[in-house]
């Protein structure tokens, strides 16, 4: 009885989701916005902030699976957080293909390992 009700609920959810979906097709050369979450941390774009618009695009060297490795440009700041028995150091890294607003705080020991 429970499995039957779960199947019914899933079919209702699928029908609601299918009604809201629209087939999207793109033409070569058409401009689109991509929503991504980088591995080093989740960044969310604010509404109405045009800083994410690219004026001049620098070519990236992509791997076969269309991914690329982030390259640090420099370290701009350093902070230490003291916990009960240990101190953890963080560094503020500016990334090569990103603006200064997209700099991220990373653990210093992880950055040294890379």
PDB file of N, CA and C in Angstrom:
ATOM      1  N   UNK A   1       0.829  -1.194   0.000  1.00  0.00           N
ATOM      2  CA  UNK A   1       0.000   0.000   0.000  1.00  0.00           C
ATOM      3  C   UNK A   1       0.878   1.263   0.000  1.00  0.00           C
ATOM      4  N   UNK A   2       1.960   1.224   0.795  1.00  0.00           N
ATOM      5  CA  UNK A   2       2.864   2.375   0.862  1.00  0.00           C
ATOM      6  C   UNK A   2       3.553   2.585  -0.482  1.00  0.00           C
ATOM      7  N   UNK A   3       4.028   1.496  -1.090  1.00  0.00           N
ATOM      8  CA  UNK A   3       4.701   1.616  -2.387  1.00  0.00           C
ATOM      9  C   UNK A   3       3.760   2.167  -3.450  1.00  0.00           C
ATOM     10  N   UNK A   4       2.522   1.734  -3.401  1.00  0.00           N
ATOM     11  CA  UNK A   4       1.538   2.227  -4.366  1.00  0.00           C
ATOM     12  C   UNK A   4       1.316   3.724  -4.206  1.00  0.00           C
ATOM     13  N   UNK A   5       1.239   4.191  -2.961  1.00  0.00           N
ATOM     14  CA  UNK A   5       1.039   5.625  -2.711  1.00  0.00           C
ATOM     15  C   UNK A   5       2.266   6.440  -3.109  1.00  0.00           C
ATOM     16  N   UNK A   6       3.458   5.872  -2.913  1.00  0.00           N
ATOM     17  CA  UNK A   6       4.683   6.561  -3.334  1.00  0.00           C
ATOM     18  C   UNK A   6       4.691   6.717  -4.851  1.00  0.00           C
ATOM     19  N   UNK A   7       4.299   5.658  -5.584  1.00  0.00           N
ATOM     20  CA  UNK A   7       4.235   5.736  -7.044  1.00  0.00           C
ATOM     21  C   UNK A   7       3.244   6.805  -7.494  1.00  0.00           C
ATOM     22  N   UNK A   8       2.108   6.895  -6.825  1.00  0.00           N
ATOM     23  CA  UNK A   8       1.110   7.906  -7.162  1.00  0.00           C
ATOM     24  C   UNK A   8       1.667   9.310  -6.927  1.00  0.00           C
ATOM     25  N   UNK A   9       2.323   9.493  -5.768  1.00  0.00           N
ATOM     26  CA  UNK A   9       2.900  10.802  -5.445  1.00  0.00           C
ATOM     27  C   UNK A   9       3.976  11.192  -6.462  1.00  0.00           C
ATOM     28  N   UNK A  10       4.823  10.239  -6.851  1.00  0.00           N
ATOM     29  CA  UNK A  10       5.865  10.524  -7.839  1.00  0.00           C
ATOM     30  C   UNK A  10       5.263  10.891  -9.190  1.00  0.00           C
ATOM     31  N   UNK A  11       4.194  10.207  -9.582  1.00  0.00           N
ATOM     32  CA  UNK A  11       3.581  10.537 -10.866  1.00  0.00           C
ATOM     33  C   UNK A  11       2.957  11.938 -10.837  1.00  0.00           C
ATOM     34  N   UNK A  12       2.375  12.333  -9.697  1.00  0.00           N
ATOM     35  CA  UNK A  12       1.829  13.695  -9.560  1.00  0.00           C
ATOM     36  C   UNK A  12       2.951  14.726  -9.672  1.00  0.00           C
ATOM     37  N   UNK A  13       4.056  14.477  -8.969  1.00  0.00           N
ATOM     38  CA  UNK A  13       5.184  15.412  -9.020  1.00  0.00           C
ATOM     39  C   UNK A  13       5.740  15.524 -10.434  1.00  0.00           C
ATOM     40  N   UNK A  14       5.848  14.377 -11.134  1.00  0.00           N
ATOM     41  CA  UNK A  14       6.356  14.393 -12.496  1.00  0.00           C
ATOM     42  C   UNK A  14       5.432  15.186 -13.416  1.00  0.00           C
ATOM     43  N   UNK A  15       4.136  15.008 -13.257  1.00  0.00           N
ATOM     44  CA  UNK A  15       3.211  15.726 -14.124  1.00  0.00           C
ATOM     45  C   UNK A  15       3.270  17.234 -13.883  1.00  0.00           C
ATOM     46  N   UNK A  16       3.411  17.664 -12.619  1.00  0.00           N
ATOM     47  CA  UNK A  16       3.549  19.096 -12.323  1.00  0.00           C
ATOM     48  C   UNK A  16       4.848  19.647 -12.904  1.00  0.00           C
ATOM     49  N   UNK A  17       5.942  18.886 -12.752  1.00  0.00           N
ATOM     50  CA  UNK A  17       7.237  19.347 -13.262  1.00  0.00           C
ATOM     51  C   UNK A  17       7.232  19.410 -14.783  1.00  0.00           C
ATOM     52  N   UNK A  18       6.611  18.440 -15.443  1.00  0.00           N
ATOM     53  CA  UNK A  18       6.579  18.433 -16.905  1.00  0.00           C
ATOM     54  C   UNK A  18       5.780  19.605 -17.463  1.00  0.00           C
ATOM     55  N   UNK A  19       4.754  20.045 -16.752  1.00  0.00           N
ATOM     56  CA  UNK A  19       3.965  21.187 -17.217  1.00  0.00           C
ATOM     57  C   UNK A  19       4.775  22.477 -17.219  1.00  0.00           C
ATOM     58  N   UNK A  20       5.747  22.601 -16.297  1.00  0.00           N
ATOM     59  CA  UNK A  20       6.539  23.823 -16.186  1.00  0.00           C
ATOM     60  C   UNK A  20       7.777  23.816 -17.072  1.00  0.00           C
ATOM     61  N   UNK A  21       8.161  22.661 -17.581  1.00  0.00           N
ATOM     62  CA  UNK A  21       9.354  22.563 -18.415  1.00  0.00           C
ATOM     63  C   UNK A  21       9.053  23.028 -19.828  1.00  0.00           C
ATOM     64  N   UNK A  22      10.045  23.704 -20.396  1.00  0.00           N
ATOM     65  CA  UNK A  22       9.925  24.157 -21.781  1.00  0.00           C
ATOM     66  C   UNK A  22      11.155  23.655 -22.535  1.00  0.00           C
ATOM     67  N   UNK A  23      10.973  23.133 -23.725  1.00  0.00           N
ATOM     68  CA  UNK A  23      12.155  22.726 -24.499  1.00  0.00           C
ATOM     69  C   UNK A  23      12.942  23.956 -24.933  1.00  0.00           C
ATOM     70  N   UNK A  24      14.232  23.931 -24.702  1.00  0.00           N
ATOM     71  CA  UNK A  24      15.081  25.082 -25.018  1.00  0.00           C
ATOM     72  C   UNK A  24      16.053  24.671 -26.118  1.00  0.00           C
ATOM     73  N   UNK A  25      16.137  25.479 -27.150  1.00  0.00           N
ATOM     74  CA  UNK A  25      17.084  25.242 -28.230  1.00  0.00           C
ATOM     75  C   UNK A  25      17.912  26.503 -28.432  1.00  0.00           C
ATOM     76  N   UNK A  26      19.204  26.304 -28.684  1.00  0.00           N
ATOM     77  CA  UNK A  26      20.104  27.424 -28.893  1.00  0.00           C
ATOM     78  C   UNK A  26      20.700  27.342 -30.295  1.00  0.00           C
ATOM     79  N   UNK A  27      21.026  28.504 -30.832  1.00  0.00           N
ATOM     80  CA  UNK A  27      21.652  28.611 -32.140  1.00  0.00           C
ATOM     81  C   UNK A  27      23.121  28.965 -31.917  1.00  0.00           C
ATOM     82  N   UNK A  28      23.985  28.457 -32.783  1.00  0.00           N
ATOM     83  CA  UNK A  28      25.410  28.751 -32.676  1.00  0.00           C
ATOM     84  C   UNK A  28      25.618  30.254 -32.756  1.00  0.00           C
ATOM     85  N   UNK A  29      26.376  30.795 -31.796  1.00  0.00           N
ATOM     86  CA  UNK A  29      26.647  32.222 -31.741  1.00  0.00           C
ATOM     87  C   UNK A  29      25.698  32.985 -30.836  1.00  0.00           C
ATOM     88  N   UNK A  30      24.668  32.331 -30.337  1.00  0.00           N
ATOM     89  CA  UNK A  30      23.712  32.981 -29.447  1.00  0.00           C
ATOM     90  C   UNK A  30      24.321  33.114 -28.056  1.00  0.00           C
ATOM     91  N   UNK A  31      24.075  34.230 -27.383  1.00  0.00           N
ATOM     92  CA  UNK A  31      24.621  34.469 -26.055  1.00  0.00           C
ATOM     93  C   UNK A  31      23.659  33.948 -24.996  1.00  0.00           C
ATOM     94  N   UNK A  32      24.211  33.239 -24.008  1.00  0.00           N
ATOM     95  CA  UNK A  32      23.395  32.668 -22.930  1.00  0.00           C
ATOM     96  C   UNK A  32      24.089  32.911 -21.600  1.00  0.00           C
ATOM     97  N   UNK A  33      23.342  32.873 -20.506  1.00  0.00           N
ATOM     98  CA  UNK A  33      23.895  32.932 -19.162  1.00  0.00           C
ATOM     99  C   UNK A  33      24.014  31.521 -18.625  1.00  0.00           C
ATOM    100  N   UNK A  34      25.140  31.209 -18.005  1.00  0.00           N
ATOM    101  CA  UNK A  34      25.338  29.912 -17.391  1.00  0.00           C
ATOM    102  C   UNK A  34      25.343  30.070 -15.886  1.00  0.00           C
ATOM    103  N   UNK A  35      24.657  29.180 -15.188  1.00  0.00           N
ATOM    104  CA  UNK A  35      24.684  29.176 -13.733  1.00  0.00           C
ATOM    105  C   UNK A  35      25.570  28.018 -13.319  1.00  0.00           C
ATOM    106  N   UNK A  36      26.687  28.344 -12.669  1.00  0.00           N
ATOM    107  CA  UNK A  36      27.635  27.313 -12.276  1.00  0.00           C
ATOM    108  C   UNK A  36      27.976  27.457 -10.812  1.00  0.00           C
ATOM    109  N   UNK A  37      28.452  26.393 -10.237  1.00  0.00           N
ATOM    110  CA  UNK A  37      28.961  26.404  -8.873  1.00  0.00           C
ATOM    111  C   UNK A  37      30.389  25.887  -8.909  1.00  0.00           C
ATOM    112  N   UNK A  38      31.377  26.745  -8.746  1.00  0.00           N
ATOM    113  CA  UNK A  38      32.753  26.289  -8.796  1.00  0.00           C
ATOM    114  C   UNK A  38      33.080  25.373  -7.633  1.00  0.00           C
ATOM    115  N   UNK A  39      34.068  24.539  -7.823  1.00  0.00           N
ATOM    116  CA  UNK A  39      34.426  23.558  -6.809  1.00  0.00           C
ATOM    117  C   UNK A  39      34.990  24.236  -5.568  1.00  0.00           C
ATOM    118  N   UNK A  40      35.712  25.334  -5.734  1.00  0.00           N
ATOM    119  CA  UNK A  40      36.364  25.947  -4.575  1.00  0.00           C
ATOM    120  C   UNK A  40      35.387  26.634  -3.627  1.00  0.00           C
ATOM    121  N   UNK A  41      34.122  26.763  -3.999  1.00  0.00           N
ATOM    122  CA  UNK A  41      33.121  27.380  -3.141  1.00  0.00           C
ATOM    123  C   UNK A  41      31.946  27.844  -3.970  1.00  0.00           C
ATOM    124  N   UNK A  42      30.843  28.001  -3.354  1.00  0.00           N
ATOM    125  CA  UNK A  42      29.649  28.385  -4.082  1.00  0.00           C
ATOM    126  C   UNK A  42      29.534  29.894  -4.099  1.00  0.00           C
ATOM    127  N   UNK A  43      29.397  30.444  -5.272  1.00  0.00           N
ATOM    128  CA  UNK A  43      29.224  31.886  -5.438  1.00  0.00           C
ATOM    129  C   UNK A  43      27.830  32.129  -6.010  1.00  0.00           C
ATOM    130  N   UNK A  44      27.154  33.116  -5.516  1.00  0.00           N
ATOM    131  CA  UNK A  44      25.835  33.458  -6.040  1.00  0.00           C
ATOM    132  C   UNK A  44      25.887  34.891  -6.559  1.00  0.00           C
ATOM    133  N   UNK A  45      25.335  35.101  -7.737  1.00  0.00           N
ATOM    134  CA  UNK A  45      25.299  36.428  -8.317  1.00  0.00           C
ATOM    135  C   UNK A  45      24.125  37.195  -7.733  1.00  0.00           C
ATOM    136  N   UNK A  46      24.345  38.446  -7.390  1.00  0.00           N
ATOM    137  CA  UNK A  46      23.265  39.284  -6.899  1.00  0.00           C
ATOM    138  C   UNK A  46      22.458  39.832  -8.065  1.00  0.00           C
ATOM    139  N   UNK A  47      21.237  40.263  -7.804  1.00  0.00           N
ATOM    140  CA  UNK A  47      20.379  40.791  -8.860  1.00  0.00           C
ATOM    141  C   UNK A  47      20.803  42.219  -9.204  1.00  0.00           C
ATOM    142  N   UNK A  48      20.890  42.509 -10.499  1.00  0.00           N
ATOM    143  CA  UNK A  48      21.175  43.864 -10.960  1.00  0.00           C
ATOM    144  C   UNK A  48      22.617  44.253 -10.925  1.00  0.00           C
ATOM    145  N   UNK A  49      23.565  43.370 -10.525  1.00  0.00           N
ATOM    146  CA  UNK A  49      24.982  43.698 -10.482  1.00  0.00           C
ATOM    147  C   UNK A  49      25.619  43.313 -11.816  1.00  0.00           C
ATOM    148  N   UNK A  50      26.043  44.287 -12.618  1.00  0.00           N
ATOM    149  CA  UNK A  50      26.578  43.961 -13.944  1.00  0.00           C
ATOM    150  C   UNK A  50      28.047  43.540 -13.927  1.00  0.00           C
ATOM    151  N   UNK A  51      28.647  43.308 -12.757  1.00  0.00           N
ATOM    152  CA  UNK A  51      30.072  42.971 -12.709  1.00  0.00           C
ATOM    153  C   UNK A  51      30.364  41.609 -13.311  1.00  0.00           C
ATOM    154  N   UNK A  52      29.364  40.748 -13.458  1.00  0.00           N
ATOM    155  CA  UNK A  52      29.594  39.426 -14.028  1.00  0.00           C
ATOM    156  C   UNK A  52      29.564  39.421 -15.552  1.00  0.00           C
ATOM    157  N   UNK A  53      29.260  40.577 -16.159  1.00  0.00           N
ATOM    158  CA  UNK A  53      29.229  40.669 -17.616  1.00  0.00           C
ATOM    159  C   UNK A  53      30.655  40.814 -18.123  1.00  0.00           C
ATOM    160  N   UNK A  54      31.021  39.990 -19.089  1.00  0.00           N
ATOM    161  CA  UNK A  54      32.375  40.010 -19.628  1.00  0.00           C
ATOM    162  C   UNK A  54      32.461  40.973 -20.798  1.00  0.00           C
ATOM    163  N   UNK A  55      33.468  41.834 -20.777  1.00  0.00           N
ATOM    164  CA  UNK A  55      33.646  42.747 -21.897  1.00  0.00           C
ATOM    165  C   UNK A  55      34.650  42.173 -22.893  1.00  0.00           C
ATOM    166  N   UNK A  56      35.747  41.649 -22.418  1.00  0.00           N
ATOM    167  CA  UNK A  56      36.739  41.022 -23.291  1.00  0.00           C
ATOM    168  C   UNK A  56      37.003  39.614 -22.760  1.00  0.00           C
ATOM    169  N   UNK A  57      36.806  38.640 -23.584  1.00  0.00           N
ATOM    170  CA  UNK A  57      36.949  37.254 -23.166  1.00  0.00           C
ATOM    171  C   UNK A  57      38.338  36.757 -23.521  1.00  0.00           C
ATOM    172  N   UNK A  58      39.040  36.249 -22.511  1.00  0.00           N
ATOM    173  CA  UNK A  58      40.344  35.648 -22.748  1.00  0.00           C
ATOM    174  C   UNK A  58      40.134  34.159 -22.982  1.00  0.00           C
ATOM    175  N   UNK A  59      40.788  33.586 -23.992  1.00  0.00           N
ATOM    176  CA  UNK A  59      40.587  32.159 -24.268  1.00  0.00           C
ATOM    177  C   UNK A  59      41.147  31.294 -23.136  1.00  0.00           C
ATOM    178  N   UNK A  60      40.414  30.247 -22.802  1.00  0.00           N
ATOM    179  CA  UNK A  60      40.837  29.310 -21.769  1.00  0.00           C
ATOM    180  C   UNK A  60      41.309  28.023 -22.428  1.00  0.00           C
ATOM    181  N   UNK A  61      42.257  27.370 -21.798  1.00  0.00           N
ATOM    182  CA  UNK A  61      42.688  26.070 -22.279  1.00  0.00           C
ATOM    183  C   UNK A  61      41.829  25.024 -21.572  1.00  0.00           C
ATOM    184  N   UNK A  62      40.910  24.425 -22.327  1.00  0.00           N
ATOM    185  CA  UNK A  62      39.978  23.461 -21.761  1.00  0.00           C
ATOM    186  C   UNK A  62      40.482  22.045 -21.968  1.00  0.00           C
ATOM    187  N   UNK A  63      40.165  21.184 -20.987  1.00  0.00           N
ATOM    188  CA  UNK A  63      40.476  19.765 -21.114  1.00  0.00           C
ATOM    189  C   UNK A  63      39.467  19.116 -22.052  1.00  0.00           C
ATOM    190  N   UNK A  64      39.639  17.826 -22.304  1.00  0.00           N
ATOM    191  CA  UNK A  64      38.723  17.107 -23.195  1.00  0.00           C
ATOM    192  C   UNK A  64      37.302  17.078 -22.668  1.00  0.00           C
ATOM    193  N   UNK A  65      37.134  17.103 -21.336  1.00  0.00           N
ATOM    194  CA  UNK A  65      35.791  17.079 -20.757  1.00  0.00           C
ATOM    195  C   UNK A  65      35.256  18.499 -20.518  1.00  0.00           C
ATOM    196  N   UNK A  66      35.835  19.498 -21.211  1.00  0.00           N
ATOM    197  CA  UNK A  66      35.430  20.909 -21.145  1.00  0.00           C
ATOM    198  C   UNK A  66      35.565  21.509 -19.751  1.00  0.00           C
ATOM    199  N   UNK A  67      36.555  21.077 -18.998  1.00  0.00           N
ATOM    200  CA  UNK A  67      36.839  21.659 -17.692  1.00  0.00           C
ATOM    201  C   UNK A  67      38.237  22.282 -17.737  1.00  0.00           C
ATOM    202  N   UNK A  68      38.526  23.127 -16.769  1.00  0.00           N
ATOM    203  CA  UNK A  68      39.862  23.709 -16.677  1.00  0.00           C
ATOM    204  C   UNK A  68      40.240  23.838 -15.214  1.00  0.00           C
ATOM    205  N   UNK A  69      41.540  23.924 -14.973  1.00  0.00           N
ATOM    206  CA  UNK A  69      42.039  24.026 -13.610  1.00  0.00           C
ATOM    207  C   UNK A  69      42.248  25.489 -13.252  1.00  0.00           C
ATOM    208  N   UNK A  70      41.722  25.884 -12.100  1.00  0.00           N
ATOM    209  CA  UNK A  70      41.886  27.263 -11.638  1.00  0.00           C
ATOM    210  C   UNK A  70      43.348  27.505 -11.296  1.00  0.00           C
ATOM    211  N   UNK A  71      43.864  28.646 -11.724  1.00  0.00           N
ATOM    212  CA  UNK A  71      45.242  29.024 -11.435  1.00  0.00           C
ATOM    213  C   UNK A  71      45.243  30.254 -10.539  1.00  0.00           C
ATOM    214  N   UNK A  72      45.956  30.199  -9.404  1.00  0.00           N
ATOM    215  CA  UNK A  72      46.015  31.383  -8.539  1.00  0.00           C
ATOM    216  C   UNK A  72      46.893  32.469  -9.159  1.00  0.00           C
ATOM    217  N   UNK A  73      46.466  33.706  -8.992  1.00  0.00           N
ATOM    218  CA  UNK A  73      47.238  34.855  -9.488  1.00  0.00           C
ATOM    219  C   UNK A  73      48.113  35.411  -8.373  1.00  0.00           C
ATOM    220  N   UNK A  74      47.601  35.367  -7.148  1.00  0.00           N
ATOM    221  CA  UNK A  74      48.387  35.877  -6.029  1.00  0.00           C
ATOM    222  C   UNK A  74      47.622  35.780  -4.729  1.00  0.00           C
ATOM    223  N   UNK A  75      48.354  35.930  -3.634  1.00  0.00           N
ATOM    224  CA  UNK A  75      47.765  35.915  -2.293  1.00  0.00           C
ATOM    225  C   UNK A  75      47.726  37.354  -1.799  1.00  0.00           C
ATOM    226  N   UNK A  76      46.546  37.805  -1.372  1.00  0.00           N
ATOM    227  CA  UNK A  76      46.363  39.205  -1.002  1.00  0.00           C
ATOM    228  C   UNK A  76      46.220  39.449   0.489  1.00  0.00           C
ATOM    229  N   UNK A  77      45.840  38.425   1.235  1.00  0.00           N
ATOM    230  CA  UNK A  77      45.640  38.638   2.668  1.00  0.00           C
ATOM    231  C   UNK A  77      45.798  37.302   3.374  1.00  0.00           C
ATOM    232  N   UNK A  78      46.011  37.368   4.685  1.00  0.00           N
ATOM    233  CA  UNK A  78      46.188  36.157   5.495  1.00  0.00           C
ATOM    234  C   UNK A  78      45.514  36.375   6.833  1.00  0.00           C
ATOM    235  N   UNK A  79      44.785  35.347   7.312  1.00  0.00           N
ATOM    236  CA  UNK A  79      44.135  35.413   8.620  1.00  0.00           C
ATOM    237  C   UNK A  79      44.384  34.110   9.361  1.00  0.00           C
ATOM    238  N   UNK A  80      44.425  34.213  10.673  1.00  0.00           N
ATOM    239  CA  UNK A  80      44.551  33.024  11.512  1.00  0.00           C
ATOM    240  C   UNK A  80      43.374  32.966  12.465  1.00  0.00           C
ATOM    241  N   UNK A  81      42.784  31.794  12.569  1.00  0.00           N
ATOM    242  CA  UNK A  81      41.683  31.573  13.500  1.00  0.00           C
ATOM    243  C   UNK A  81      42.159  30.621  14.585  1.00  0.00           C
ATOM    244  N   UNK A  82      41.990  31.039  15.830  1.00  0.00           N
ATOM    245  CA  UNK A  82      42.424  30.240  16.969  1.00  0.00           C
ATOM    246  C   UNK A  82      41.242  29.452  17.508  1.00  0.00           C
ATOM    247  N   UNK A  83      41.372  28.141  17.503  1.00  0.00           N
ATOM    248  CA  UNK A  83      40.386  27.273  18.115  1.00  0.00           C
ATOM    249  C   UNK A  83      40.975  26.722  19.401  1.00  0.00           C
ATOM    250  N   UNK A  84      40.296  25.837  20.061  1.00  0.00           N
ATOM    251  CA  UNK A  84      40.747  25.358  21.378  1.00  0.00           C
ATOM    252  C   UNK A  84      42.209  24.931  21.397  1.00  0.00           C
ATOM    253  N   UNK A  85      42.565  23.984  20.541  1.00  0.00           N
ATOM    254  CA  UNK A  85      43.929  23.462  20.598  1.00  0.00           C
ATOM    255  C   UNK A  85      44.721  23.667  19.318  1.00  0.00           C
ATOM    256  N   UNK A  86      44.143  24.343  18.366  1.00  0.00           N
ATOM    257  CA  UNK A  86      44.866  24.515  17.107  1.00  0.00           C
ATOM    258  C   UNK A  86      44.598  25.883  16.491  1.00  0.00           C
ATOM    259  N   UNK A  87      45.506  26.284  15.619  1.00  0.00           N
ATOM    260  CA  UNK A  87      45.372  27.524  14.869  1.00  0.00           C
ATOM    261  C   UNK A  87      45.276  27.168  13.396  1.00  0.00           C
ATOM    262  N   UNK A  88      44.264  27.697  12.713  1.00  0.00           N
ATOM    263  CA  UNK A  88      44.091  27.434  11.293  1.00  0.00           C
ATOM    264  C   UNK A  88      44.330  28.729  10.538  1.00  0.00           C
ATOM    265  N   UNK A  89      45.217  28.674   9.548  1.00  0.00           N
ATOM    266  CA  UNK A  89      45.563  29.840   8.740  1.00  0.00           C
ATOM    267  C   UNK A  89      44.813  29.805   7.421  1.00  0.00           C
ATOM    268  N   UNK A  90      44.261  30.963   7.031  1.00  0.00           N
ATOM    269  CA  UNK A  90      43.566  31.113   5.759  1.00  0.00           C
ATOM    270  C   UNK A  90      44.256  32.201   4.955  1.00  0.00           C
ATOM    271  N   UNK A  91      44.272  32.036   3.627  1.00  0.00           N
ATOM    272  CA  UNK A  91      44.823  33.048   2.736  1.00  0.00           C
ATOM    273  C   UNK A  91      43.754  33.453   1.728  1.00  0.00           C
ATOM    274  N   UNK A  92      43.751  34.730   1.368  1.00  0.00           N
ATOM    275  CA  UNK A  92      42.808  35.252   0.387  1.00  0.00           C
ATOM    276  C   UNK A  92      43.491  35.198  -0.975  1.00  0.00           C
ATOM    277  N   UNK A  93      42.949  34.381  -1.880  1.00  0.00           N
ATOM    278  CA  UNK A  93      43.576  34.141  -3.170  1.00  0.00           C
ATOM    279  C   UNK A  93      42.792  34.825  -4.285  1.00  0.00           C
ATOM    280  N   UNK A  94      43.496  35.562  -5.125  1.00  0.00           N
ATOM    281  CA  UNK A  94      42.915  36.122  -6.352  1.00  0.00           C
ATOM    282  C   UNK A  94      43.199  35.122  -7.449  1.00  0.00           C
ATOM    283  N   UNK A  95      42.141  34.726  -8.173  1.00  0.00           N
ATOM    284  CA  UNK A  95      42.266  33.707  -9.213  1.00  0.00           C
ATOM    285  C   UNK A  95      42.528  34.355 -10.565  1.00  0.00           C
ATOM    286  N   UNK A  96      43.231  33.655 -11.425  1.00  0.00           N
ATOM    287  CA  UNK A  96      43.732  34.186 -12.683  1.00  0.00           C
ATOM    288  C   UNK A  96      42.633  34.687 -13.614  1.00  0.00           C
ATOM    289  N   UNK A  97      41.556  33.956 -13.795  1.00  0.00           N
ATOM    290  CA  UNK A  97      40.522  34.324 -14.765  1.00  0.00           C
ATOM    291  C   UNK A  97      39.291  34.927 -14.111  1.00  0.00           C
ATOM    292  N   UNK A  98      39.440  35.521 -12.915  1.00  0.00           N
ATOM    293  CA  UNK A  98      38.304  36.077 -12.187  1.00  0.00           C
ATOM    294  C   UNK A  98      38.627  37.482 -11.683  1.00  0.00           C
ATOM    295  N   UNK A  99      37.590  38.223 -11.326  1.00  0.00           N
ATOM    296  CA  UNK A  99      37.778  39.570 -10.805  1.00  0.00           C
ATOM    297  C   UNK A  99      38.171  39.509  -9.330  1.00  0.00           C
ATOM    298  N   UNK A 100      38.532  40.666  -8.770  1.00  0.00           N
ATOM    299  CA  UNK A 100      38.946  40.704  -7.372  1.00  0.00           C
ATOM    300  C   UNK A 100      37.796  40.400  -6.415  1.00  0.00           C
ATOM    301  N   UNK A 101      36.550  40.669  -6.829  1.00  0.00           N
ATOM    302  CA  UNK A 101      35.395  40.357  -5.984  1.00  0.00           C
ATOM    303  C   UNK A 101      35.220  38.845  -5.829  1.00  0.00           C
ATOM    304  N   UNK A 102      35.789  38.071  -6.727  1.00  0.00           N
ATOM    305  CA  UNK A 102      35.648  36.623  -6.680  1.00  0.00           C
ATOM    306  C   UNK A 102      36.827  35.943  -6.003  1.00  0.00           C
ATOM    307  N   UNK A 103      37.675  36.716  -5.332  1.00  0.00           N
ATOM    308  CA  UNK A 103      38.763  36.124  -4.561  1.00  0.00           C
ATOM    309  C   UNK A 103      38.166  35.289  -3.437  1.00  0.00           C
ATOM    310  N   UNK A 104      38.846  34.220  -3.062  1.00  0.00           N
ATOM    311  CA  UNK A 104      38.274  33.316  -2.065  1.00  0.00           C
ATOM    312  C   UNK A 104      39.275  33.035  -0.953  1.00  0.00           C
ATOM    313  N   UNK A 105      38.732  32.710   0.212  1.00  0.00           N
ATOM    314  CA  UNK A 105      39.544  32.337   1.360  1.00  0.00           C
ATOM    315  C   UNK A 105      39.739  30.831   1.331  1.00  0.00           C
ATOM    316  N   UNK A 106      40.988  30.400   1.331  1.00  0.00           N
ATOM    317  CA  UNK A 106      41.329  28.978   1.292  1.00  0.00           C
ATOM    318  C   UNK A 106      42.263  28.672   2.461  1.00  0.00           C
ATOM    319  N   UNK A 107      42.252  27.418   2.903  1.00  0.00           N
ATOM    320  CA  UNK A 107      43.182  27.019   3.967  1.00  0.00           C
ATOM    321  C   UNK A 107      44.604  27.050   3.422  1.00  0.00           C
ATOM    322  N   UNK A 108      45.500  27.634   4.216  1.00  0.00           N
ATOM    323  CA  UNK A 108      46.867  27.835   3.754  1.00  0.00           C
ATOM    324  C   UNK A 108      47.580  26.521   3.480  1.00  0.00           C
ATOM    325  N   UNK A 109      47.384  25.514   4.319  1.00  0.00           N
ATOM    326  CA  UNK A 109      48.067  24.240   4.115  1.00  0.00           C
ATOM    327  C   UNK A 109      47.584  23.530   2.854  1.00  0.00           C
ATOM    328  N   UNK A 110      46.297  23.687   2.495  1.00  0.00           N
ATOM    329  CA  UNK A 110      45.787  23.086   1.251  1.00  0.00           C
ATOM    330  C   UNK A 110      46.363  23.783   0.039  1.00  0.00           C
ATOM    331  N   UNK A 111      46.538  25.099   0.130  1.00  0.00           N
ATOM    332  CA  UNK A 111      47.110  25.858  -0.986  1.00  0.00           C
ATOM    333  C   UNK A 111      48.573  25.464  -1.187  1.00  0.00           C
ATOM    334  N   UNK A 112      49.309  25.267  -0.107  1.00  0.00           N
ATOM    335  CA  UNK A 112      50.719  24.863  -0.210  1.00  0.00           C
ATOM    336  C   UNK A 112      50.841  23.484  -0.851  1.00  0.00           C
ATOM    337  N   UNK A 113      49.881  22.583  -0.537  1.00  0.00           N
ATOM    338  CA  UNK A 113      49.930  21.234  -1.128  1.00  0.00           C
ATOM    339  C   UNK A 113      49.731  21.273  -2.629  1.00  0.00           C
ATOM    340  N   UNK A 114      48.865  22.209  -3.096  1.00  0.00           N
ATOM    341  CA  UNK A 114      48.611  22.307  -4.541  1.00  0.00           C
ATOM    342  C   UNK A 114      49.784  22.948  -5.230  1.00  0.00           C
TER     343      UNK A 114
END
